[in-house]
PDB file of N, CA and C in Angstrom:
ATOM      1  N   MET A   1      44.465 151.503  87.548  1.00  0.00           N
ATOM      2  CA  MET A   1      45.239 151.529  88.786  1.00  0.00           C
ATOM      3  C   MET A   1      44.254 151.808  89.889  1.00  0.00           C
ATOM      4  N   PRO A   2      44.200 150.956  90.934  1.00  0.00           N
ATOM      5  CA  PRO A   2      43.207 151.232  91.963  1.00  0.00           C
ATOM      6  C   PRO A   2      43.523 152.483  92.709  1.00  0.00           C
ATOM      7  N   ARG A   3      42.561 153.049  93.363  1.00  0.00           N
ATOM      8  CA  ARG A   3      42.584 154.361  93.964  1.00  0.00           C
ATOM      9  C   ARG A   3      43.632 154.439  95.072  1.00  0.00           C
ATOM     10  N   ARG A   4      43.796 153.367  95.802  1.00  0.00           N
ATOM     11  CA  ARG A   4      44.747 153.285  96.944  1.00  0.00           C
ATOM     12  C   ARG A   4      46.194 153.479  96.262  1.00  0.00           C
ATOM     13  N   GLN A   5      46.430 152.769  95.275  1.00  0.00           N
ATOM     14  CA  GLN A   5      47.843 152.744  94.604  1.00  0.00           C
ATOM     15  C   GLN A   5      48.116 154.243  94.116  1.00  0.00           C
ATOM     16  N   ILE A   6      47.083 154.832  93.570  1.00  0.00           N
ATOM     17  CA  ILE A   6      47.292 156.226  93.041  1.00  0.00           C
ATOM     18  C   ILE A   6      47.604 157.170  94.246  1.00  0.00           C
ATOM     19  N   GLU A   7      46.822 156.981  95.343  1.00  0.00           N
ATOM     20  CA  GLU A   7      47.102 157.858  96.513  1.00  0.00           C
ATOM     21  C   GLU A   7      48.587 157.641  97.002  1.00  0.00           C
ATOM     22  N   VAL A   8      48.996 156.405  97.127  1.00  0.00           N
ATOM     23  CA  VAL A   8      50.348 156.076  97.591  1.00  0.00           C
ATOM     24  C   VAL A   8      51.352 156.715  96.669  1.00  0.00           C
ATOM     25  N   ALA A   9      51.144 156.528  95.380  1.00  0.00           N
ATOM     26  CA  ALA A   9      52.072 157.086  94.366  1.00  0.00           C
ATOM     27  C   ALA A   9      52.252 158.616  94.475  1.00  0.00           C
ATOM     28  N   LEU A  10      50.994 159.244  94.683  1.00  0.00           N
ATOM     29  CA  LEU A  10      51.115 160.762  94.801  1.00  0.00           C
ATOM     30  C   LEU A  10      51.771 161.241  96.064  1.00  0.00           C
ATOM     31  N   ILE A  11      51.631 160.518  97.192  1.00  0.00           N
ATOM     32  CA  ILE A  11      52.259 160.815  98.434  1.00  0.00           C
ATOM     33  C   ILE A  11      53.701 160.663  98.247  1.00  0.00           C
ATOM     34  N   ALA A  12      54.212 159.465  97.637  1.00  0.00           N
ATOM     35  CA  ALA A  12      55.539 159.243  97.454  1.00  0.00           C
ATOM     36  C   ALA A  12      56.214 160.325  96.560  1.00  0.00           C
ATOM     37  N   LEU A  13      55.452 160.818  95.538  1.00  0.00           N
ATOM     38  CA  LEU A  13      56.058 161.780  94.693  1.00  0.00           C
ATOM     39  C   LEU A  13      56.135 163.189  95.473  1.00  0.00           C
ATOM     40  N   ALA A  14      55.166 163.442  96.238  1.00  0.00           N
ATOM     41  CA  ALA A  14      55.156 164.690  97.043  1.00  0.00           C
ATOM     42  C   ALA A  14      56.353 164.746  98.002  1.00  0.00           C
ATOM     43  N   LEU A  15      56.678 163.588  98.624  1.00  0.00           N
ATOM     44  CA  LEU A  15      57.675 163.464  99.535  1.00  0.00           C
ATOM     45  C   LEU A  15      59.134 163.488  98.837  1.00  0.00           C
ATOM     46  N   ALA A  16      59.175 162.872  97.710  1.00  0.00           N
ATOM     47  CA  ALA A  16      60.387 162.835  96.953  1.00  0.00           C
ATOM     48  C   ALA A  16      60.738 163.990  96.049  1.00  0.00           C
ATOM     49  N   GLY A  17      59.687 164.843  95.796  1.00  0.00           N
ATOM     50  CA  GLY A  17      59.778 165.958  94.897  1.00  0.00           C
ATOM     51  C   GLY A  17      61.015 166.908  95.204  1.00  0.00           C
ATOM     52  N   PRO A  18      61.064 167.506  96.403  1.00  0.00           N
ATOM     53  CA  PRO A  18      62.104 168.373  96.747  1.00  0.00           C
ATOM     54  C   PRO A  18      63.488 167.761  96.578  1.00  0.00           C
ATOM     55  N   ALA A  19      63.718 166.544  96.899  1.00  0.00           N
ATOM     56  CA  ALA A  19      64.915 165.812  96.787  1.00  0.00           C
ATOM     57  C   ALA A  19      65.350 165.759  95.336  1.00  0.00           C
ATOM     58  N   LEU A  20      64.351 165.403  94.455  1.00  0.00           N
ATOM     59  CA  LEU A  20      64.621 165.201  93.018  1.00  0.00           C
ATOM     60  C   LEU A  20      64.985 166.588  92.436  1.00  0.00           C
ATOM     61  N   VAL A  21      64.330 167.613  92.849  1.00  0.00           N
ATOM     62  CA  VAL A  21      64.695 168.958  92.289  1.00  0.00           C
ATOM     63  C   VAL A  21      66.055 169.361  92.687  1.00  0.00           C
ATOM     64  N   ALA A  22      66.452 169.145  93.983  1.00  0.00           N
ATOM     65  CA  ALA A  22      67.748 169.537  94.472  1.00  0.00           C
ATOM     66  C   ALA A  22      68.810 168.734  93.738  1.00  0.00           C
ATOM     67  N   ALA A  23      68.514 167.410  93.540  1.00  0.00           N
ATOM     68  CA  ALA A  23      69.447 166.632  92.790  1.00  0.00           C
ATOM     69  C   ALA A  23      69.649 166.987  91.343  1.00  0.00           C
ATOM     70  N   SER A  24      68.691 167.634  90.753  1.00  0.00           N
ATOM     71  CA  SER A  24      68.862 168.016  89.314  1.00  0.00           C
ATOM     72  C   SER A  24      69.582 169.327  89.119  1.00  0.00           C
ATOM     73  N   LEU A  25      69.818 170.019  90.257  1.00  0.00           N
ATOM     74  CA  LEU A  25      70.545 171.390  90.265  1.00  0.00           C
ATOM     75  C   LEU A  25      72.057 171.010  89.952  1.00  0.00           C
ATOM     76  N   PRO A  26      72.698 171.964  89.232  1.00  0.00           N
ATOM     77  CA  PRO A  26      74.110 171.711  89.036  1.00  0.00           C
ATOM     78  C   PRO A  26      74.794 171.857  90.393  1.00  0.00           C
ATOM     79  N   GLN A  27      75.960 171.218  90.538  1.00  0.00           N
ATOM     80  CA  GLN A  27      76.748 171.140  91.726  1.00  0.00           C
ATOM     81  C   GLN A  27      77.043 172.578  92.131  1.00  0.00           C
ATOM     82  N   ALA A  28      77.315 173.532  91.325  1.00  0.00           N
ATOM     83  CA  ALA A  28      77.709 174.868  91.706  1.00  0.00           C
ATOM     84  C   ALA A  28      76.564 175.658  92.376  1.00  0.00           C
ATOM     85  N   ALA A  29      75.298 175.294  91.878  1.00  0.00           N
ATOM     86  CA  ALA A  29      74.133 175.938  92.504  1.00  0.00           C
ATOM     87  C   ALA A  29      73.782 175.376  93.864  1.00  0.00           C
ATOM     88  N   ARG A  30      74.116 174.098  94.105  1.00  0.00           N
ATOM     89  CA  ARG A  30      73.920 173.559  95.363  1.00  0.00           C
ATOM     90  C   ARG A  30      74.959 174.049  96.375  1.00  0.00           C
ATOM     91  N   ALA A  31      76.171 174.321  95.960  1.00  0.00           N
ATOM     92  CA  ALA A  31      77.242 174.695  96.841  1.00  0.00           C
ATOM     93  C   ALA A  31      77.299 176.174  97.050  1.00  0.00           C
ATOM     94  N   ASP A  32      76.508 176.993  96.411  1.00  0.00           N
ATOM     95  CA  ASP A  32      76.546 178.421  96.431  1.00  0.00           C
ATOM     96  C   ASP A  32      75.740 178.861  97.650  1.00  0.00           C
ATOM     97  N   VAL A  33      76.474 178.779  98.870  1.00  0.00           N
ATOM     98  CA  VAL A  33      75.826 179.126 100.083  1.00  0.00           C
ATOM     99  C   VAL A  33      76.503 180.410 100.688  1.00  0.00           C
ATOM    100  N   ARG A  34      75.734 181.402 100.891  1.00  0.00           N
ATOM    101  CA  ARG A  34      76.202 182.631 101.413  1.00  0.00           C
ATOM    102  C   ARG A  34      75.704 182.897 102.839  1.00  0.00           C
ATOM    103  N   ILE A  35      76.685 183.300 103.636  1.00  0.00           N
ATOM    104  CA  ILE A  35      76.272 183.609 105.080  1.00  0.00           C
ATOM    105  C   ILE A  35      76.674 185.002 105.300  1.00  0.00           C
ATOM    106  N   SER A  36      76.006 185.666 106.212  1.00  0.00           N
ATOM    107  CA  SER A  36      76.242 187.108 106.457  1.00  0.00           C
ATOM    108  C   SER A  36      77.048 187.373 107.673  1.00  0.00           C
ATOM    109  N   ILE A  37      77.554 186.283 108.352  1.00  0.00           N
ATOM    110  CA  ILE A  37      78.358 186.414 109.545  1.00  0.00           C
ATOM    111  C   ILE A  37      79.755 185.999 109.245  1.00  0.00           C
ATOM    112  N   ASP A  38      80.742 186.373 110.091  1.00  0.00           N
ATOM    113  CA  ASP A  38      82.065 185.819 109.972  1.00  0.00           C
ATOM    114  C   ASP A  38      82.131 184.719 111.000  1.00  0.00           C
ATOM    115  N   PRO A  39      82.169 183.468 110.472  1.00  0.00           N
ATOM    116  CA  PRO A  39      82.206 182.281 111.335  1.00  0.00           C
ATOM    117  C   PRO A  39      83.411 182.363 112.208  1.00  0.00           C
ATOM    118  N   GLY A  40      84.456 182.884 111.745  1.00  0.00           N
ATOM    119  CA  GLY A  40      85.664 182.941 112.677  1.00  0.00           C
ATOM    120  C   GLY A  40      85.585 183.854 113.760  1.00  0.00           C
ATOM    121  N   ALA A  41      84.636 184.717 113.838  1.00  0.00           N
ATOM    122  CA  ALA A  41      84.328 185.686 114.946  1.00  0.00           C
ATOM    123  C   ALA A  41      83.401 185.058 116.014  1.00  0.00           C
ATOM    124  N   VAL A  42      82.822 183.974 115.675  1.00  0.00           N
ATOM    125  CA  VAL A  42      81.825 183.330 116.678  1.00  0.00           C
ATOM    126  C   VAL A  42      82.575 182.489 117.702  1.00  0.00           C
ATOM    127  N   ALA A  43      82.293 182.855 118.947  1.00  0.00           N
ATOM    128  CA  ALA A  43      82.814 181.968 120.069  1.00  0.00           C
ATOM    129  C   ALA A  43      81.979 180.874 120.416  1.00  0.00           C
ATOM    130  N   TYR A  44      80.687 181.131 120.646  1.00  0.00           N
ATOM    131  CA  TYR A  44      79.744 180.089 121.056  1.00  0.00           C
ATOM    132  C   TYR A  44      78.303 180.510 120.380  1.00  0.00           C
ATOM    133  N   GLY A  45      77.678 179.545 119.750  1.00  0.00           N
ATOM    134  CA  GLY A  45      76.473 179.724 119.064  1.00  0.00           C
ATOM    135  C   GLY A  45      75.406 179.050 119.857  1.00  0.00           C
ATOM    136  N   TYR A  46      74.211 179.777 119.885  1.00  0.00           N
ATOM    137  CA  TYR A  46      73.041 179.205 120.454  1.00  0.00           C
ATOM    138  C   TYR A  46      71.957 179.390 119.457  1.00  0.00           C
ATOM    139  N   ASN A  47      70.767 178.795 119.750  1.00  0.00           N
ATOM    140  CA  ASN A  47      69.734 178.856 118.766  1.00  0.00           C
ATOM    141  C   ASN A  47      69.054 180.213 118.695  1.00  0.00           C
ATOM    142  N   ASP A  48      69.387 181.137 119.563  1.00  0.00           N
ATOM    143  CA  ASP A  48      68.844 182.437 119.489  1.00  0.00           C
ATOM    144  C   ASP A  48      69.880 183.517 119.143  1.00  0.00           C
ATOM    145  N   GLY A  49      71.180 183.098 118.935  1.00  0.00           N
ATOM    146  CA  GLY A  49      72.166 184.046 118.577  1.00  0.00           C
ATOM    147  C   GLY A  49      73.531 183.465 118.951  1.00  0.00           C
ATOM    148  N   TYR A  50      74.512 184.377 119.003  1.00  0.00           N
ATOM    149  CA  TYR A  50      75.898 183.963 119.312  1.00  0.00           C
ATOM    150  C   TYR A  50      76.636 185.001 120.060  1.00  0.00           C
ATOM    151  N   TRP A  51      77.699 184.590 120.734  1.00  0.00           N
ATOM    152  CA  TRP A  51      78.685 185.408 121.388  1.00  0.00           C
ATOM    153  C   TRP A  51      79.842 185.562 120.511  1.00  0.00           C
ATOM    154  N   ASP A  52      80.304 186.740 120.124  1.00  0.00           N
ATOM    155  CA  ASP A  52      81.601 186.796 119.367  1.00  0.00           C
ATOM    156  C   ASP A  52      82.701 186.680 120.402  1.00  0.00           C
ATOM    157  N   ARG A  53      83.888 186.602 119.844  1.00  0.00           N
ATOM    158  CA  ARG A  53      85.076 186.338 120.670  1.00  0.00           C
ATOM    159  C   ARG A  53      85.523 187.506 121.581  1.00  0.00           C
ATOM    160  N   ASP A  54      84.881 188.694 121.310  1.00  0.00           N
ATOM    161  CA  ASP A  54      85.124 189.862 122.138  1.00  0.00           C
ATOM    162  C   ASP A  54      84.118 190.016 123.219  1.00  0.00           C
ATOM    163  N   HIS A  55      83.268 188.956 123.450  1.00  0.00           N
ATOM    164  CA  HIS A  55      82.150 188.908 124.424  1.00  0.00           C
ATOM    165  C   HIS A  55      81.009 189.949 124.131  1.00  0.00           C
ATOM    166  N   HIS A  56      80.665 189.962 122.889  1.00  0.00           N
ATOM    167  CA  HIS A  56      79.441 190.752 122.497  1.00  0.00           C
ATOM    168  C   HIS A  56      78.365 189.753 121.983  1.00  0.00           C
ATOM    169  N   TRP A  57      77.166 190.015 122.417  1.00  0.00           N
ATOM    170  CA  TRP A  57      76.057 189.107 122.057  1.00  0.00           C
ATOM    171  C   TRP A  57      75.398 189.680 120.749  1.00  0.00           C
ATOM    172  N   HIS A  58      75.054 188.773 119.821  1.00  0.00           N
ATOM    173  CA  HIS A  58      74.433 189.075 118.605  1.00  0.00           C
ATOM    174  C   HIS A  58      73.289 188.046 118.334  1.00  0.00           C
ATOM    175  N   PRO A  59      72.080 188.608 118.014  1.00  0.00           N
ATOM    176  CA  PRO A  59      71.115 187.703 117.443  1.00  0.00           C
ATOM    177  C   PRO A  59      71.512 187.249 116.148  1.00  0.00           C
ATOM    178  N   TRP A  60      71.121 185.947 115.707  1.00  0.00           N
ATOM    179  CA  TRP A  60      71.444 185.548 114.272  1.00  0.00           C
ATOM    180  C   TRP A  60      70.779 186.508 113.319  1.00  0.00           C
ATOM    181  N   PRO A  61      71.454 187.015 112.262  1.00  0.00           N
ATOM    182  CA  PRO A  61      70.801 187.893 111.333  1.00  0.00           C
ATOM    183  C   PRO A  61      69.667 187.177 110.595  1.00  0.00           C
ATOM    184  N   ASN A  62      69.718 185.852 110.452  1.00  0.00           N
ATOM    185  CA  ASN A  62      68.723 185.091 109.762  1.00  0.00           C
ATOM    186  C   ASN A  62      68.811 183.584 110.098  1.00  0.00           C
ATOM    187  N   ARG A  63      67.853 182.912 109.806  1.00  0.00           N
ATOM    188  CA  ARG A  63      67.810 181.452 110.176  1.00  0.00           C
ATOM    189  C   ARG A  63      68.957 180.677 109.429  1.00  0.00           C
ATOM    190  N   ALA A  64      69.147 181.060 108.262  1.00  0.00           N
ATOM    191  CA  ALA A  64      70.154 180.300 107.372  1.00  0.00           C
ATOM    192  C   ALA A  64      71.584 180.416 108.023  1.00  0.00           C
ATOM    193  N   ASP A  65      71.911 181.589 108.619  1.00  0.00           N
ATOM    194  CA  ASP A  65      73.160 181.752 109.271  1.00  0.00           C
ATOM    195  C   ASP A  65      73.278 180.782 110.505  1.00  0.00           C
ATOM    196  N   ALA A  66      72.275 180.700 111.303  1.00  0.00           N
ATOM    197  CA  ALA A  66      72.165 179.848 112.448  1.00  0.00           C
ATOM    198  C   ALA A  66      72.351 178.361 112.025  1.00  0.00           C
ATOM    199  N   ASP A  67      71.554 178.065 111.017  1.00  0.00           N
ATOM    200  CA  ASP A  67      71.674 176.600 110.508  1.00  0.00           C
ATOM    201  C   ASP A  67      73.027 176.352 109.950  1.00  0.00           C
ATOM    202  N   TRP A  68      73.709 177.260 109.226  1.00  0.00           N
ATOM    203  CA  TRP A  68      74.936 177.058 108.679  1.00  0.00           C
ATOM    204  C   TRP A  68      76.000 176.823 109.818  1.00  0.00           C
ATOM    205  N   TYR A  69      75.981 177.732 110.829  1.00  0.00           N
ATOM    206  CA  TYR A  69      76.896 177.577 111.936  1.00  0.00           C
ATOM    207  C   TYR A  69      76.699 176.329 112.633  1.00  0.00           C
ATOM    208  N   ARG A  70      75.406 175.860 112.943  1.00  0.00           N
ATOM    209  CA  ARG A  70      75.234 174.656 113.598  1.00  0.00           C
ATOM    210  C   ARG A  70      75.724 173.458 112.916  1.00  0.00           C
ATOM    211  N   GLU A  71      75.610 173.501 111.610  1.00  0.00           N
ATOM    212  CA  GLU A  71      76.229 172.374 110.816  1.00  0.00           C
ATOM    213  C   GLU A  71      77.631 172.323 110.592  1.00  0.00           C
ATOM    214  N   HIS A  72      78.282 173.532 110.648  1.00  0.00           N
ATOM    215  CA  HIS A  72      79.680 173.593 110.545  1.00  0.00           C
ATOM    216  C   HIS A  72      80.591 173.736 111.744  1.00  0.00           C
ATOM    217  N   ASP A  73      79.949 173.935 112.885  1.00  0.00           N
ATOM    218  CA  ASP A  73      80.736 174.063 114.100  1.00  0.00           C
ATOM    219  C   ASP A  73      79.912 173.467 115.243  1.00  0.00           C
ATOM    220  N   ARG A  74      79.590 172.226 115.108  1.00  0.00           N
ATOM    221  CA  ARG A  74      78.842 171.542 116.161  1.00  0.00           C
ATOM    222  C   ARG A  74      79.434 171.566 117.583  1.00  0.00           C
ATOM    223  N   ALA A  75      80.747 171.530 117.603  1.00  0.00           N
ATOM    224  CA  ALA A  75      81.464 171.590 118.920  1.00  0.00           C
ATOM    225  C   ALA A  75      81.096 172.794 119.751  1.00  0.00           C
ATOM    226  N   HIS A  76      80.834 173.916 119.105  1.00  0.00           N
ATOM    227  CA  HIS A  76      80.603 175.198 119.774  1.00  0.00           C
ATOM    228  C   HIS A  76      79.152 175.767 119.581  1.00  0.00           C
ATOM    229  N   TYR A  77      78.230 174.906 119.161  1.00  0.00           N
ATOM    230  CA  TYR A  77      76.839 175.250 119.027  1.00  0.00           C
ATOM    231  C   TYR A  77      76.056 174.555 120.030  1.00  0.00           C
ATOM    232  N   TYR A  78      75.168 175.238 120.681  1.00  0.00           N
ATOM    233  CA  TYR A  78      74.265 174.672 121.784  1.00  0.00           C
ATOM    234  C   TYR A  78      72.785 174.981 121.353  1.00  0.00           C
ATOM    235  N   ASP A  79      72.116 173.912 121.183  1.00  0.00           N
ATOM    236  CA  ASP A  79      70.676 174.078 120.677  1.00  0.00           C
ATOM    237  C   ASP A  79      69.675 174.403 121.835  1.00  0.00           C
ATOM    238  N   ARG A  80      69.920 175.560 122.376  1.00  0.00           N
ATOM    239  CA  ARG A  80      69.105 176.115 123.415  1.00  0.00           C
ATOM    240  C   ARG A  80      69.255 177.587 123.479  1.00  0.00           C
ATOM    241  N   ARG A  81      68.446 178.346 124.156  1.00  0.00           N
ATOM    242  CA  ARG A  81      68.554 179.767 124.229  1.00  0.00           C
ATOM    243  C   ARG A  81      69.742 180.095 125.162  1.00  0.00           C
ATOM    244  N   HIS A  82      70.433 181.192 124.895  1.00  0.00           N
ATOM    245  CA  HIS A  82      71.612 181.452 125.673  1.00  0.00           C
ATOM    246  C   HIS A  82      71.323 181.884 127.026  1.00  0.00           C
ATOM    247  N   ASP A  83      70.122 182.486 127.250  1.00  0.00           N
ATOM    248  CA  ASP A  83      69.738 183.018 128.533  1.00  0.00           C
ATOM    249  C   ASP A  83      69.290 181.882 129.445  1.00  0.00           C
ATOM    250  N   ARG A  84      69.305 180.627 129.048  1.00  0.00           N
ATOM    251  CA  ARG A  84      69.009 179.437 129.847  1.00  0.00           C
ATOM    252  C   ARG A  84      70.279 178.972 130.543  1.00  0.00           C
ATOM    253  N   GLU A  85      71.377 179.516 130.173  1.00  0.00           N
ATOM    254  CA  GLU A  85      72.670 179.159 130.737  1.00  0.00           C
ATOM    255  C   GLU A  85      73.208 180.095 131.788  1.00  0.00           C
ATOM    256  N   ARG A  86      74.095 179.550 132.620  1.00  0.00           N
ATOM    257  CA  ARG A  86      74.782 180.492 133.595  1.00  0.00           C
ATOM    258  C   ARG A  86      75.571 181.405 132.790  1.00  0.00           C
ATOM    259  N   ASP A  87      75.663 182.595 133.326  1.00  0.00           N
ATOM    260  CA  ASP A  87      76.444 183.686 132.639  1.00  0.00           C
ATOM    261  C   ASP A  87      75.938 183.953 131.219  1.00  0.00           C
ATOM    262  N   GLY A  88      74.657 183.712 130.973  1.00  0.00           N
ATOM    263  CA  GLY A  88      74.057 184.009 129.612  1.00  0.00           C
ATOM    264  C   GLY A  88      74.765 183.176 128.501  1.00  0.00           C
ATOM    265  N   GLY A  89      75.385 182.074 128.860  1.00  0.00           N
ATOM    266  CA  GLY A  89      76.034 181.233 127.827  1.00  0.00           C
ATOM    267  C   GLY A  89      77.402 181.559 127.543  1.00  0.00           C
ATOM    268  N   TRP A  90      77.974 182.605 128.068  1.00  0.00           N
ATOM    269  CA  TRP A  90      79.412 182.967 127.806  1.00  0.00           C
ATOM    270  C   TRP A  90      80.236 181.950 128.564  1.00  0.00           C
ATOM    271  N   ARG A  91      80.965 181.229 127.864  1.00  0.00           N
ATOM    272  CA  ARG A  91      81.889 180.125 128.508  1.00  0.00           C
ATOM    273  C   ARG A  91      83.338 180.635 128.540  1.00  0.00           C
ATOM    274  N   GLY A  92      83.535 181.654 129.389  1.00  0.00           N
ATOM    275  CA  GLY A  92      84.779 182.426 129.464  1.00  0.00           C
ATOM    276  C   GLY A  92      85.990 181.578 129.753  1.00  0.00           C
ATOM    277  N   ASN A  93      85.838 180.467 130.490  1.00  0.00           N
ATOM    278  CA  ASN A  93      86.988 179.603 130.705  1.00  0.00           C
ATOM    279  C   ASN A  93      87.295 178.754 129.588  1.00  0.00           C
ATOM    280  N   ASP A  94      86.407 178.574 128.558  1.00  0.00           N
ATOM    281  CA  ASP A  94      86.660 177.704 127.409  1.00  0.00           C
ATOM    282  C   ASP A  94      86.960 178.637 126.197  1.00  0.00           C
ATOM    283  N   ARG A  95      88.066 179.263 126.178  1.00  0.00           N
ATOM    284  CA  ARG A  95      88.533 180.060 125.069  1.00  0.00           C
ATOM    285  C   ARG A  95      89.204 179.158 123.945  1.00  0.00           C
ATOM    286  N   TRP A  96      88.368 178.358 123.428  1.00  0.00           N
ATOM    287  CA  TRP A  96      88.874 177.285 122.506  1.00  0.00           C
ATOM    288  C   TRP A  96      89.760 177.912 121.340  1.00  0.00           C
ATOM    289  N   TRP A  97      89.306 179.085 120.862  1.00  0.00           N
ATOM    290  CA  TRP A  97      90.044 179.723 119.725  1.00  0.00           C
ATOM    291  C   TRP A  97      91.442 180.026 120.022  1.00  0.00           C
ATOM    292  N   ASP A  98      91.735 180.290 121.317  1.00  0.00           N
ATOM    293  CA  ASP A  98      93.195 180.552 121.635  1.00  0.00           C
ATOM    294  C   ASP A  98      94.093 179.339 121.515  1.00  0.00           C
ATOM    295  N   HIS A  99      93.536 178.147 121.314  1.00  0.00           N
ATOM    296  CA  HIS A  99      94.301 176.985 121.294  1.00  0.00           C
ATOM    297  C   HIS A  99      94.422 176.226 119.908  1.00  0.00           C
ATOM    298  N   HIS A 100      93.778 176.936 118.957  1.00  0.00           N
ATOM    299  CA  HIS A 100      93.741 176.422 117.551  1.00  0.00           C
ATOM    300  C   HIS A 100      94.643 177.204 116.669  1.00  0.00           C
TER     301      HIS A 100
END
């Protein structure tokens, strides 16, 4: 096999490796996601933390929680720092949880 084909094959394997490993895990292992926040308490999420519904600011305890919330509640997640917003990102007129 020519050197170039070997290089391409190795690069392809390196890129596909993580997906192949994840696909080989049992469904239960892939679905076993644990978060340390109560998603029902989050009013508005930002990339540096979140406001709870009682208007208290919290930094994300870890990156996994921020990623989980972003993926599961895109309507109330803002991919920017909260301090870049007026009122620190508290959207007091949008109490969406009172209407659900």
